[in-house]
């Protein structure tokens, strides 16, 4: 599997599916499966059992994982979806950059 270019904490926009066009923050990245969990996107209802800590059971809504290929990073300069590239900065450190504006992420 190719290296995932989306990381936890990135602002992304959904490109396809029922939540197309929605934006949110990546709250979890799952590189082994090539998936990400985005806050407020791909909400599913899940039956939750009550536990001994006093949490009541019931039906709760939570975010489901979506494929990383269905989201695009938001360019910090233009506020538009962009692809991600890699390059080396002056000190030789590998950094991610937005391909639309060339801005470092």
PDB file of N, CA and C in Angstrom:
ATOM      1  N   UNK A   1       0.838  -1.180   0.000  1.00  0.00           N
ATOM      2  CA  UNK A   1       0.000   0.000   0.000  1.00  0.00           C
ATOM      3  C   UNK A   1       0.886   1.247   0.000  1.00  0.00           C
ATOM      4  N   UNK A   2       0.490   2.248  -0.772  1.00  0.00           N
ATOM      5  CA  UNK A   2       1.246   3.490  -0.862  1.00  0.00           C
ATOM      6  C   UNK A   2       1.153   4.264   0.447  1.00  0.00           C
ATOM      7  N   UNK A   3       2.124   5.123   0.672  1.00  0.00           N
ATOM      8  CA  UNK A   3       2.136   5.931   1.889  1.00  0.00           C
ATOM      9  C   UNK A   3       0.972   6.913   1.884  1.00  0.00           C
ATOM     10  N   UNK A   4       0.298   7.033   3.037  1.00  0.00           N
ATOM     11  CA  UNK A   4      -0.833   7.964   3.138  1.00  0.00           C
ATOM     12  C   UNK A   4      -0.317   9.383   3.327  1.00  0.00           C
ATOM     13  N   UNK A   5      -0.893  10.319   2.572  1.00  0.00           N
ATOM     14  CA  UNK A   5      -0.445  11.704   2.626  1.00  0.00           C
ATOM     15  C   UNK A   5      -1.328  12.558   3.527  1.00  0.00           C
ATOM     16  N   UNK A   6      -2.383  11.971   4.079  1.00  0.00           N
ATOM     17  CA  UNK A   6      -3.284  12.677   4.995  1.00  0.00           C
ATOM     18  C   UNK A   6      -2.928  12.260   6.419  1.00  0.00           C
ATOM     19  N   UNK A   7      -2.786  13.240   7.304  1.00  0.00           N
ATOM     20  CA  UNK A   7      -2.387  12.975   8.687  1.00  0.00           C
ATOM     21  C   UNK A   7      -3.474  13.454   9.655  1.00  0.00           C
ATOM     22  N   UNK A   8      -3.360  12.997  10.904  1.00  0.00           N
ATOM     23  CA  UNK A   8      -4.266  13.436  11.961  1.00  0.00           C
ATOM     24  C   UNK A   8      -4.112  14.948  12.144  1.00  0.00           C
ATOM     25  N   UNK A   9      -5.255  15.634  12.269  1.00  0.00           N
ATOM     26  CA  UNK A   9      -5.232  17.081  12.466  1.00  0.00           C
ATOM     27  C   UNK A   9      -5.378  17.883  11.186  1.00  0.00           C
ATOM     28  N   UNK A  10      -5.268  17.243  10.016  1.00  0.00           N
ATOM     29  CA  UNK A  10      -5.421  17.943   8.736  1.00  0.00           C
ATOM     30  C   UNK A  10      -6.873  18.355   8.511  1.00  0.00           C
ATOM     31  N   UNK A  11      -7.068  19.497   7.854  1.00  0.00           N
ATOM     32  CA  UNK A  11      -8.394  19.915   7.409  1.00  0.00           C
ATOM     33  C   UNK A  11      -8.590  19.351   6.008  1.00  0.00           C
ATOM     34  N   UNK A  12      -9.690  18.607   5.810  1.00  0.00           N
ATOM     35  CA  UNK A  12      -9.931  17.963   4.525  1.00  0.00           C
ATOM     36  C   UNK A  12     -11.343  18.229   4.031  1.00  0.00           C
ATOM     37  N   UNK A  13     -11.556  17.993   2.734  1.00  0.00           N
ATOM     38  CA  UNK A  13     -12.876  18.079   2.119  1.00  0.00           C
ATOM     39  C   UNK A  13     -13.177  16.736   1.479  1.00  0.00           C
ATOM     40  N   UNK A  14     -14.431  16.270   1.641  1.00  0.00           N
ATOM     41  CA  UNK A  14     -14.842  14.984   1.078  1.00  0.00           C
ATOM     42  C   UNK A  14     -15.129  15.174  -0.404  1.00  0.00           C
ATOM     43  N   UNK A  15     -14.575  14.283  -1.244  1.00  0.00           N
ATOM     44  CA  UNK A  15     -14.700  14.410  -2.695  1.00  0.00           C
ATOM     45  C   UNK A  15     -15.830  13.568  -3.272  1.00  0.00           C
ATOM     46  N   UNK A  16     -16.236  12.484  -2.581  1.00  0.00           N
ATOM     47  CA  UNK A  16     -17.279  11.622  -3.133  1.00  0.00           C
ATOM     48  C   UNK A  16     -18.062  10.960  -2.017  1.00  0.00           C
ATOM     49  N   UNK A  17     -19.234  10.460  -2.364  1.00  0.00           N
ATOM     50  CA  UNK A  17     -20.084   9.784  -1.390  1.00  0.00           C
ATOM     51  C   UNK A  17     -21.206  10.679  -0.904  1.00  0.00           C
ATOM     52  N   UNK A  18     -21.945  10.191   0.089  1.00  0.00           N
ATOM     53  CA  UNK A  18     -23.116  10.921   0.571  1.00  0.00           C
ATOM     54  C   UNK A  18     -22.758  12.239   1.249  1.00  0.00           C
ATOM     55  N   UNK A  19     -21.525  12.374   1.710  1.00  0.00           N
ATOM     56  CA  UNK A  19     -21.087  13.598   2.383  1.00  0.00           C
ATOM     57  C   UNK A  19     -20.205  14.473   1.498  1.00  0.00           C
ATOM     58  N   UNK A  20     -20.325  14.329   0.187  1.00  0.00           N
ATOM     59  CA  UNK A  20     -19.509  15.088  -0.755  1.00  0.00           C
ATOM     60  C   UNK A  20     -19.616  16.590  -0.482  1.00  0.00           C
ATOM     61  N   UNK A  21     -18.466  17.250  -0.421  1.00  0.00           N
ATOM     62  CA  UNK A  21     -18.439  18.693  -0.204  1.00  0.00           C
ATOM     63  C   UNK A  21     -18.257  19.092   1.251  1.00  0.00           C
ATOM     64  N   UNK A  22     -18.515  18.186   2.182  1.00  0.00           N
ATOM     65  CA  UNK A  22     -18.354  18.520   3.606  1.00  0.00           C
ATOM     66  C   UNK A  22     -16.883  18.631   3.948  1.00  0.00           C
ATOM     67  N   UNK A  23     -16.610  19.503   4.927  1.00  0.00           N
ATOM     68  CA  UNK A  23     -15.242  19.688   5.400  1.00  0.00           C
ATOM     69  C   UNK A  23     -15.164  19.312   6.870  1.00  0.00           C
ATOM     70  N   UNK A  24     -13.988  18.893   7.294  1.00  0.00           N
ATOM     71  CA  UNK A  24     -13.791  18.560   8.693  1.00  0.00           C
ATOM     72  C   UNK A  24     -12.332  18.261   8.981  1.00  0.00           C
ATOM     73  N   UNK A  25     -12.056  18.012  10.259  1.00  0.00           N
ATOM     74  CA  UNK A  25     -10.701  17.711  10.703  1.00  0.00           C
ATOM     75  C   UNK A  25     -10.529  16.202  10.821  1.00  0.00           C
ATOM     76  N   UNK A  26      -9.378  15.699  10.395  1.00  0.00           N
ATOM     77  CA  UNK A  26      -9.078  14.277  10.528  1.00  0.00           C
ATOM     78  C   UNK A  26      -8.800  14.008  12.011  1.00  0.00           C
ATOM     79  N   UNK A  27      -9.629  13.148  12.632  1.00  0.00           N
ATOM     80  CA  UNK A  27      -9.427  12.839  14.047  1.00  0.00           C
ATOM     81  C   UNK A  27      -8.679  11.525  14.235  1.00  0.00           C
ATOM     82  N   UNK A  28      -8.584  10.730  13.161  1.00  0.00           N
ATOM     83  CA  UNK A  28      -7.839   9.469  13.234  1.00  0.00           C
ATOM     84  C   UNK A  28      -7.436   9.050  11.823  1.00  0.00           C
ATOM     85  N   UNK A  29      -6.193   8.633  11.670  1.00  0.00           N
ATOM     86  CA  UNK A  29      -5.719   8.099  10.395  1.00  0.00           C
ATOM     87  C   UNK A  29      -5.373   6.633  10.607  1.00  0.00           C
ATOM     88  N   UNK A  30      -5.798   5.778   9.662  1.00  0.00           N
ATOM     89  CA  UNK A  30      -5.532   4.340   9.756  1.00  0.00           C
ATOM     90  C   UNK A  30      -4.728   3.941   8.516  1.00  0.00           C
ATOM     91  N   UNK A  31      -3.405   4.144   8.547  1.00  0.00           N
ATOM     92  CA  UNK A  31      -2.579   3.899   7.363  1.00  0.00           C
ATOM     93  C   UNK A  31      -2.603   2.457   6.875  1.00  0.00           C
ATOM     94  N   UNK A  32      -2.729   1.493   7.784  1.00  0.00           N
ATOM     95  CA  UNK A  32      -2.716   0.090   7.367  1.00  0.00           C
ATOM     96  C   UNK A  32      -3.908  -0.247   6.487  1.00  0.00           C
ATOM     97  N   UNK A  33      -5.021   0.474   6.653  1.00  0.00           N
ATOM     98  CA  UNK A  33      -6.221   0.243   5.846  1.00  0.00           C
ATOM     99  C   UNK A  33      -6.426   1.327   4.804  1.00  0.00           C
ATOM    100  N   UNK A  34      -5.620   2.388   4.848  1.00  0.00           N
ATOM    101  CA  UNK A  34      -5.771   3.497   3.911  1.00  0.00           C
ATOM    102  C   UNK A  34      -7.036   4.295   4.164  1.00  0.00           C
ATOM    103  N   UNK A  35      -7.439   4.410   5.435  1.00  0.00           N
ATOM    104  CA  UNK A  35      -8.682   5.094   5.779  1.00  0.00           C
ATOM    105  C   UNK A  35      -8.427   6.217   6.772  1.00  0.00           C
ATOM    106  N   UNK A  36      -9.380   7.159   6.817  1.00  0.00           N
ATOM    107  CA  UNK A  36      -9.344   8.259   7.782  1.00  0.00           C
ATOM    108  C   UNK A  36     -10.718   8.424   8.404  1.00  0.00           C
ATOM    109  N   UNK A  37     -10.740   8.970   9.624  1.00  0.00           N
ATOM    110  CA  UNK A  37     -11.991   9.305  10.305  1.00  0.00           C
ATOM    111  C   UNK A  37     -12.027  10.820  10.396  1.00  0.00           C
ATOM    112  N   UNK A  38     -13.101  11.432   9.839  1.00  0.00           N
ATOM    113  CA  UNK A  38     -13.214  12.881   9.774  1.00  0.00           C
ATOM    114  C   UNK A  38     -14.357  13.337  10.675  1.00  0.00           C
ATOM    115  N   UNK A  39     -14.093  14.359  11.506  1.00  0.00           N
ATOM    116  CA  UNK A  39     -15.089  14.873  12.440  1.00  0.00           C
ATOM    117  C   UNK A  39     -16.323  15.387  11.684  1.00  0.00           C
ATOM    118  N   UNK A  40     -17.510  14.856  12.052  1.00  0.00           N
ATOM    119  CA  UNK A  40     -18.773  15.308  11.477  1.00  0.00           C
ATOM    120  C   UNK A  40     -19.123  14.714  10.125  1.00  0.00           C
ATOM    121  N   UNK A  41     -18.332  13.756   9.643  1.00  0.00           N
ATOM    122  CA  UNK A  41     -18.554  13.167   8.321  1.00  0.00           C
ATOM    123  C   UNK A  41     -18.764  11.662   8.464  1.00  0.00           C
ATOM    124  N   UNK A  42     -19.597  11.086   7.621  1.00  0.00           N
ATOM    125  CA  UNK A  42     -19.871   9.646   7.595  1.00  0.00           C
ATOM    126  C   UNK A  42     -20.410   9.172   8.940  1.00  0.00           C
ATOM    127  N   UNK A  43     -21.426   9.874   9.456  1.00  0.00           N
ATOM    128  CA  UNK A  43     -22.010   9.515  10.745  1.00  0.00           C
ATOM    129  C   UNK A  43     -22.857   8.255  10.601  1.00  0.00           C
ATOM    130  N   UNK A  44     -22.679   7.323  11.540  1.00  0.00           N
ATOM    131  CA  UNK A  44     -23.463   6.095  11.582  1.00  0.00           C
ATOM    132  C   UNK A  44     -24.041   5.947  12.977  1.00  0.00           C
ATOM    133  N   UNK A  45     -25.186   5.274  13.066  1.00  0.00           N
ATOM    134  CA  UNK A  45     -25.799   5.014  14.363  1.00  0.00           C
ATOM    135  C   UNK A  45     -25.316   3.660  14.861  1.00  0.00           C
ATOM    136  N   UNK A  46     -24.957   3.597  16.137  1.00  0.00           N
ATOM    137  CA  UNK A  46     -24.402   2.381  16.710  1.00  0.00           C
ATOM    138  C   UNK A  46     -25.097   2.104  18.033  1.00  0.00           C
ATOM    139  N   UNK A  47     -25.491   0.856  18.246  1.00  0.00           N
ATOM    140  CA  UNK A  47     -26.091   0.465  19.519  1.00  0.00           C
ATOM    141  C   UNK A  47     -24.979   0.341  20.551  1.00  0.00           C
ATOM    142  N   UNK A  48     -25.133   1.049  21.664  1.00  0.00           N
ATOM    143  CA  UNK A  48     -24.112   1.078  22.704  1.00  0.00           C
ATOM    144  C   UNK A  48     -24.672   0.471  23.982  1.00  0.00           C
ATOM    145  N   UNK A  49     -23.957  -0.500  24.549  1.00  0.00           N
ATOM    146  CA  UNK A  49     -24.382  -1.102  25.813  1.00  0.00           C
ATOM    147  C   UNK A  49     -24.021  -0.187  26.969  1.00  0.00           C
ATOM    148  N   UNK A  50     -24.820  -0.229  28.033  1.00  0.00           N
ATOM    149  CA  UNK A  50     -24.489   0.516  29.241  1.00  0.00           C
ATOM    150  C   UNK A  50     -23.304  -0.174  29.906  1.00  0.00           C
ATOM    151  N   UNK A  51     -22.460   0.618  30.590  1.00  0.00           N
ATOM    152  CA  UNK A  51     -21.339   0.020  31.291  1.00  0.00           C
ATOM    153  C   UNK A  51     -21.412   0.320  32.783  1.00  0.00           C
ATOM    154  N   UNK A  52     -20.489  -0.206  33.533  1.00  0.00           N
ATOM    155  CA  UNK A  52     -20.522  -0.066  34.995  1.00  0.00           C
ATOM    156  C   UNK A  52     -20.120   1.331  35.458  1.00  0.00           C
ATOM    157  N   UNK A  53     -19.574   2.132  34.573  1.00  0.00           N
ATOM    158  CA  UNK A  53     -19.149   3.482  34.938  1.00  0.00           C
ATOM    159  C   UNK A  53     -20.333   4.448  35.002  1.00  0.00           C
ATOM    160  N   UNK A  54     -21.524   3.966  34.717  1.00  0.00           N
ATOM    161  CA  UNK A  54     -22.710   4.812  34.794  1.00  0.00           C
ATOM    162  C   UNK A  54     -23.161   5.371  33.457  1.00  0.00           C
ATOM    163  N   UNK A  55     -22.437   5.037  32.385  1.00  0.00           N
ATOM    164  CA  UNK A  55     -22.855   5.502  31.063  1.00  0.00           C
ATOM    165  C   UNK A  55     -24.090   4.727  30.632  1.00  0.00           C
ATOM    166  N   UNK A  56     -25.110   5.449  30.227  1.00  0.00           N
ATOM    167  CA  UNK A  56     -26.331   4.796  29.766  1.00  0.00           C
ATOM    168  C   UNK A  56     -26.122   4.226  28.378  1.00  0.00           C
ATOM    169  N   UNK A  57     -26.793   3.135  28.110  1.00  0.00           N
ATOM    170  CA  UNK A  57     -26.751   2.553  26.781  1.00  0.00           C
ATOM    171  C   UNK A  57     -27.694   3.308  25.865  1.00  0.00           C
ATOM    172  N   UNK A  58     -27.809   2.856  24.650  1.00  0.00           N
ATOM    173  CA  UNK A  58     -28.709   3.485  23.692  1.00  0.00           C
ATOM    174  C   UNK A  58     -28.069   3.540  22.329  1.00  0.00           C
ATOM    175  N   UNK A  59     -28.685   4.302  21.462  1.00  0.00           N
ATOM    176  CA  UNK A  59     -28.161   4.439  20.107  1.00  0.00           C
ATOM    177  C   UNK A  59     -27.355   5.731  20.041  1.00  0.00           C
ATOM    178  N   UNK A  60     -26.087   5.608  19.678  1.00  0.00           N
ATOM    179  CA  UNK A  60     -25.214   6.777  19.598  1.00  0.00           C
ATOM    180  C   UNK A  60     -24.760   6.972  18.156  1.00  0.00           C
ATOM    181  N   UNK A  61     -24.491   8.225  17.801  1.00  0.00           N
ATOM    182  CA  UNK A  61     -23.967   8.537  16.472  1.00  0.00           C
ATOM    183  C   UNK A  61     -22.467   8.730  16.594  1.00  0.00           C
ATOM    184  N   UNK A  62     -21.717   8.127  15.676  1.00  0.00           N
ATOM    185  CA  UNK A  62     -20.275   8.313  15.662  1.00  0.00           C
ATOM    186  C   UNK A  62     -19.776   8.305  14.224  1.00  0.00           C
ATOM    187  N   UNK A  63     -18.555   8.798  14.056  1.00  0.00           N
ATOM    188  CA  UNK A  63     -17.980   8.871  12.713  1.00  0.00           C
ATOM    189  C   UNK A  63     -17.427   7.516  12.296  1.00  0.00           C
ATOM    190  N   UNK A  64     -17.677   7.146  11.051  1.00  0.00           N
ATOM    191  CA  UNK A  64     -17.128   5.916  10.490  1.00  0.00           C
ATOM    192  C   UNK A  64     -15.905   6.285   9.646  1.00  0.00           C
ATOM    193  N   UNK A  65     -15.031   5.310   9.428  1.00  0.00           N
ATOM    194  CA  UNK A  65     -13.839   5.530   8.613  1.00  0.00           C
ATOM    195  C   UNK A  65     -14.228   5.586   7.137  1.00  0.00           C
ATOM    196  N   UNK A  66     -13.601   6.493   6.399  1.00  0.00           N
ATOM    197  CA  UNK A  66     -13.804   6.561   4.955  1.00  0.00           C
ATOM    198  C   UNK A  66     -12.436   6.443   4.282  1.00  0.00           C
ATOM    199  N   UNK A  67     -12.433   6.037   3.027  1.00  0.00           N
ATOM    200  CA  UNK A  67     -11.184   5.828   2.314  1.00  0.00           C
ATOM    201  C   UNK A  67     -10.454   7.158   2.127  1.00  0.00           C
ATOM    202  N   UNK A  68      -9.154   7.127   2.339  1.00  0.00           N
ATOM    203  CA  UNK A  68      -8.347   8.346   2.242  1.00  0.00           C
ATOM    204  C   UNK A  68      -8.355   8.924   0.829  1.00  0.00           C
ATOM    205  N   UNK A  69      -8.634   8.092  -0.179  1.00  0.00           N
ATOM    206  CA  UNK A  69      -8.669   8.593  -1.561  1.00  0.00           C
ATOM    207  C   UNK A  69      -9.905   9.439  -1.823  1.00  0.00           C
ATOM    208  N   UNK A  70     -10.885   9.390  -0.919  1.00  0.00           N
ATOM    209  CA  UNK A  70     -12.118  10.161  -1.090  1.00  0.00           C
ATOM    210  C   UNK A  70     -12.070  11.513  -0.392  1.00  0.00           C
ATOM    211  N   UNK A  71     -10.923  11.888   0.145  1.00  0.00           N
ATOM    212  CA  UNK A  71     -10.783  13.206   0.766  1.00  0.00           C
ATOM    213  C   UNK A  71      -9.577  13.921   0.168  1.00  0.00           C
ATOM    214  N   UNK A  72      -9.643  15.257   0.162  1.00  0.00           N
ATOM    215  CA  UNK A  72      -8.528  16.072  -0.320  1.00  0.00           C
ATOM    216  C   UNK A  72      -8.183  17.084   0.757  1.00  0.00           C
ATOM    217  N   UNK A  73      -6.910  17.322   0.935  1.00  0.00           N
ATOM    218  CA  UNK A  73      -6.425  18.283   1.909  1.00  0.00           C
ATOM    219  C   UNK A  73      -6.850  19.693   1.503  1.00  0.00           C
ATOM    220  N   UNK A  74      -7.177  20.533   2.484  1.00  0.00           N
ATOM    221  CA  UNK A  74      -7.516  21.930   2.216  1.00  0.00           C
ATOM    222  C   UNK A  74      -6.215  22.731   2.197  1.00  0.00           C
ATOM    223  N   UNK A  75      -5.991  23.443   1.087  1.00  0.00           N
ATOM    224  CA  UNK A  75      -4.797  24.268   0.920  1.00  0.00           C
ATOM    225  C   UNK A  75      -4.855  25.420   1.929  1.00  0.00           C
ATOM    226  N   UNK A  76      -3.830  25.594   2.775  1.00  0.00           N
ATOM    227  CA  UNK A  76      -3.867  26.659   3.778  1.00  0.00           C
ATOM    228  C   UNK A  76      -3.857  28.068   3.171  1.00  0.00           C
ATOM    229  N   UNK A  77      -3.357  28.203   1.950  1.00  0.00           N
ATOM    230  CA  UNK A  77      -3.256  29.521   1.312  1.00  0.00           C
ATOM    231  C   UNK A  77      -4.532  29.893   0.563  1.00  0.00           C
ATOM    232  N   UNK A  78      -5.058  28.964  -0.247  1.00  0.00           N
ATOM    233  CA  UNK A  78      -6.206  29.281  -1.103  1.00  0.00           C
ATOM    234  C   UNK A  78      -7.534  28.789  -0.550  1.00  0.00           C
ATOM    235  N   UNK A  79      -7.525  27.991   0.520  1.00  0.00           N
ATOM    236  CA  UNK A  79      -8.726  27.420   1.139  1.00  0.00           C
ATOM    237  C   UNK A  79      -9.516  26.555   0.150  1.00  0.00           C
ATOM    238  N   UNK A  80      -8.805  25.916  -0.773  1.00  0.00           N
ATOM    239  CA  UNK A  80      -9.438  25.027  -1.750  1.00  0.00           C
ATOM    240  C   UNK A  80      -8.805  23.640  -1.631  1.00  0.00           C
ATOM    241  N   UNK A  81      -9.522  22.577  -2.065  1.00  0.00           N
ATOM    242  CA  UNK A  81      -8.939  21.233  -2.013  1.00  0.00           C
ATOM    243  C   UNK A  81      -7.715  21.132  -2.928  1.00  0.00           C
ATOM    244  N   UNK A  82      -6.719  20.403  -2.485  1.00  0.00           N
ATOM    245  CA  UNK A  82      -5.493  20.268  -3.265  1.00  0.00           C
ATOM    246  C   UNK A  82      -4.884  18.889  -3.053  1.00  0.00           C
ATOM    247  N   UNK A  83      -4.002  18.501  -3.973  1.00  0.00           N
ATOM    248  CA  UNK A  83      -3.242  17.278  -3.786  1.00  0.00           C
ATOM    249  C   UNK A  83      -2.013  17.598  -2.943  1.00  0.00           C
ATOM    250  N   UNK A  84      -1.370  16.550  -2.431  1.00  0.00           N
ATOM    251  CA  UNK A  84      -0.223  16.726  -1.545  1.00  0.00           C
ATOM    252  C   UNK A  84       1.018  16.150  -2.202  1.00  0.00           C
ATOM    253  N   UNK A  85       2.121  16.880  -2.096  1.00  0.00           N
ATOM    254  CA  UNK A  85       3.396  16.399  -2.601  1.00  0.00           C
ATOM    255  C   UNK A  85       4.436  16.441  -1.501  1.00  0.00           C
ATOM    256  N   UNK A  86       5.597  15.873  -1.770  1.00  0.00           N
ATOM    257  CA  UNK A  86       6.713  15.890  -0.826  1.00  0.00           C
ATOM    258  C   UNK A  86       7.905  16.542  -1.484  1.00  0.00           C
ATOM    259  N   UNK A  87       8.666  17.271  -0.687  1.00  0.00           N
ATOM    260  CA  UNK A  87       9.947  17.825  -1.143  1.00  0.00           C
ATOM    261  C   UNK A  87      10.839  18.034   0.084  1.00  0.00           C
ATOM    262  N   UNK A  88      12.085  18.376  -0.158  1.00  0.00           N
ATOM    263  CA  UNK A  88      13.025  18.603   0.929  1.00  0.00           C
ATOM    264  C   UNK A  88      13.254  20.101   1.086  1.00  0.00           C
ATOM    265  N   UNK A  89      13.216  20.586   2.345  1.00  0.00           N
ATOM    266  CA  UNK A  89      13.459  22.010   2.584  1.00  0.00           C
ATOM    267  C   UNK A  89      14.960  22.289   2.641  1.00  0.00           C
ATOM    268  N   UNK A  90      15.335  23.531   2.972  1.00  0.00           N
ATOM    269  CA  UNK A  90      16.731  23.950   2.961  1.00  0.00           C
ATOM    270  C   UNK A  90      17.604  23.099   3.893  1.00  0.00           C
ATOM    271  N   UNK A  91      17.026  22.678   5.014  1.00  0.00           N
ATOM    272  CA  UNK A  91      17.815  21.908   5.988  1.00  0.00           C
ATOM    273  C   UNK A  91      17.848  20.420   5.641  1.00  0.00           C
ATOM    274  N   UNK A  92      17.203  20.019   4.550  1.00  0.00           N
ATOM    275  CA  UNK A  92      17.218  18.621   4.124  1.00  0.00           C
ATOM    276  C   UNK A  92      16.103  17.789   4.728  1.00  0.00           C
ATOM    277  N   UNK A  93      15.162  18.441   5.416  1.00  0.00           N
ATOM    278  CA  UNK A  93      14.050  17.731   6.037  1.00  0.00           C
ATOM    279  C   UNK A  93      12.916  17.535   5.017  1.00  0.00           C
ATOM    280  N   UNK A  94      12.333  16.347   4.998  1.00  0.00           N
ATOM    281  CA  UNK A  94      11.244  16.049   4.072  1.00  0.00           C
ATOM    282  C   UNK A  94       9.957  16.696   4.596  1.00  0.00           C
ATOM    283  N   UNK A  95       9.290  17.495   3.750  1.00  0.00           N
ATOM    284  CA  UNK A  95       8.065  18.193   4.164  1.00  0.00           C
ATOM    285  C   UNK A  95       6.958  17.971   3.142  1.00  0.00           C
ATOM    286  N   UNK A  96       5.715  18.069   3.603  1.00  0.00           N
ATOM    287  CA  UNK A  96       4.562  17.998   2.700  1.00  0.00           C
ATOM    288  C   UNK A  96       4.259  19.410   2.198  1.00  0.00           C
ATOM    289  N   UNK A  97       3.746  19.485   0.953  1.00  0.00           N
ATOM    290  CA  UNK A  97       3.343  20.790   0.431  1.00  0.00           C
ATOM    291  C   UNK A  97       2.089  20.641  -0.417  1.00  0.00           C
ATOM    292  N   UNK A  98       1.322  21.728  -0.515  1.00  0.00           N
ATOM    293  CA  UNK A  98       0.109  21.762  -1.326  1.00  0.00           C
ATOM    294  C   UNK A  98       0.517  21.997  -2.771  1.00  0.00           C
ATOM    295  N   UNK A  99       0.072  21.118  -3.658  1.00  0.00           N
ATOM    296  CA  UNK A  99       0.492  21.227  -5.066  1.00  0.00           C
ATOM    297  C   UNK A  99      -0.125  22.424  -5.762  1.00  0.00           C
ATOM    298  N   UNK A 100      -1.298  22.905  -5.311  1.00  0.00           N
ATOM    299  CA  UNK A 100      -1.941  24.049  -5.955  1.00  0.00           C
ATOM    300  C   UNK A 100      -1.166  25.331  -5.748  1.00  0.00           C
ATOM    301  N   UNK A 101      -0.764  25.612  -4.501  1.00  0.00           N
ATOM    302  CA  UNK A 101      -0.121  26.886  -4.195  1.00  0.00           C
ATOM    303  C   UNK A 101       1.369  26.757  -3.920  1.00  0.00           C
ATOM    304  N   UNK A 102       1.858  25.546  -3.671  1.00  0.00           N
ATOM    305  CA  UNK A 102       3.255  25.343  -3.330  1.00  0.00           C
ATOM    306  C   UNK A 102       3.542  25.612  -1.859  1.00  0.00           C
ATOM    307  N   UNK A 103       2.510  25.940  -1.091  1.00  0.00           N
ATOM    308  CA  UNK A 103       2.631  26.239   0.338  1.00  0.00           C
ATOM    309  C   UNK A 103       2.977  24.994   1.139  1.00  0.00           C
ATOM    310  N   UNK A 104       3.903  25.120   2.098  1.00  0.00           N
ATOM    311  CA  UNK A 104       4.237  24.008   2.990  1.00  0.00           C
ATOM    312  C   UNK A 104       3.102  23.760   3.953  1.00  0.00           C
ATOM    313  N   UNK A 105       2.902  22.484   4.284  1.00  0.00           N
ATOM    314  CA  UNK A 105       1.817  22.125   5.206  1.00  0.00           C
ATOM    315  C   UNK A 105       2.423  21.815   6.567  1.00  0.00           C
TER     316      UNK A 105
END
